């Protein structure tokens, strides 16, 4: 996703609402993978991560956190 696209999406959110954001830039991924990425490789990772990556495990993780929170009332 391009930064300008993210900004357009975020501009629609009320400023006082809470949201969950996952954000990685090229440098953070290079550091995490201990490698240097070409611009083409980075563009490819961005495309795949935004368009075809399965993210349901994130929802499952959030569900687990919620269940733990609710069980500790």
Protein backbone atom coordinates (compact mmCIF):
# COMPACT_ATOMS: atom_id res chain seq x y z
CA UNK A 1 0.00 0.00 0.00
CA UNK A 2 1.23 3.46 -0.74
CA UNK A 3 1.51 5.87 2.18
CA UNK A 4 -0.96 8.22 0.47
CA UNK A 5 -3.50 5.36 0.32
CA UNK A 6 -3.08 4.70 4.03
CA UNK A 7 -3.56 8.40 4.77
CA UNK A 8 -6.77 8.45 2.72
CA UNK A 9 -8.12 5.49 4.70
CA UNK A 10 -7.11 7.00 8.03
CA UNK A 11 -8.64 10.38 7.17
CA UNK A 12 -12.03 8.66 7.21
CA UNK A 13 -11.60 7.54 10.81
CA UNK A 14 -12.80 9.78 13.65
CA UNK A 15 -9.75 11.41 15.24
CA UNK A 16 -10.70 10.36 18.77
CA UNK A 17 -11.38 6.69 17.96
CA UNK A 18 -8.91 3.91 18.77
CA UNK A 19 -7.65 1.75 15.92
CA UNK A 20 -5.16 -1.09 15.49
CA UNK A 21 -2.41 -0.46 12.95
CA UNK A 22 0.35 -2.73 11.74
CA UNK A 23 3.07 -0.75 10.01
CA UNK A 24 6.35 -1.83 8.45
CA UNK A 25 8.63 0.23 6.27
CA UNK A 26 11.44 -1.08 4.10
CA UNK A 27 14.09 -0.41 6.73
CA UNK A 28 12.22 -2.24 9.49
CA UNK A 29 11.74 -5.32 7.29
CA UNK A 30 15.38 -5.25 6.19
CA UNK A 31 16.39 -5.15 9.86
CA UNK A 32 13.99 -7.96 10.83
CA UNK A 33 15.16 -10.15 7.94
CA UNK A 34 18.80 -9.10 8.31
CA UNK A 35 19.05 -8.36 4.59
CA UNK A 36 18.97 -5.55 2.07
CA UNK A 37 15.99 -5.39 -0.28
CA UNK A 38 15.98 -3.94 -3.76
CA UNK A 39 13.15 -1.52 -4.52
CA UNK A 40 11.63 -4.21 -6.74
CA UNK A 41 11.74 -6.78 -3.92
CA UNK A 42 10.22 -4.29 -1.50
CA UNK A 43 7.42 -3.42 -3.93
CA UNK A 44 6.72 -7.11 -4.40
CA UNK A 45 6.55 -7.73 -0.64
CA UNK A 46 4.24 -4.74 -0.22
CA UNK A 47 1.93 -5.96 -2.97
CA UNK A 48 1.80 -9.51 -1.65
CA UNK A 49 1.37 -8.36 1.95
CA UNK A 50 -1.45 -6.01 1.03
CA UNK A 51 -3.28 -8.12 -1.52
CA UNK A 52 -2.77 -11.81 -1.00
CA UNK A 53 -1.45 -12.40 2.50
CA UNK A 54 -3.79 -14.28 4.81
CA UNK A 55 -4.21 -12.23 8.01
CA UNK A 56 -6.88 -14.29 9.81
CA UNK A 57 -4.28 -15.36 12.39
CA UNK A 58 -4.28 -11.74 13.60
CA UNK A 59 -8.02 -11.95 14.32
CA UNK A 60 -7.46 -15.26 16.11
CA UNK A 61 -4.77 -13.62 18.25
CA UNK A 62 -7.06 -10.71 19.10
CA UNK A 63 -9.84 -13.15 19.97
CA UNK A 64 -7.47 -14.93 22.38
CA UNK A 65 -6.53 -11.62 24.01
CA UNK A 66 -10.21 -10.71 24.39
CA UNK A 67 -11.05 -14.10 25.90
CA UNK A 68 -8.20 -13.71 28.41
CA UNK A 69 -9.36 -10.21 29.30
CA UNK A 70 -12.93 -11.36 29.79
CA UNK A 71 -11.91 -14.33 31.92
CA UNK A 72 -9.89 -12.05 34.25
CA UNK A 73 -12.81 -9.79 35.19
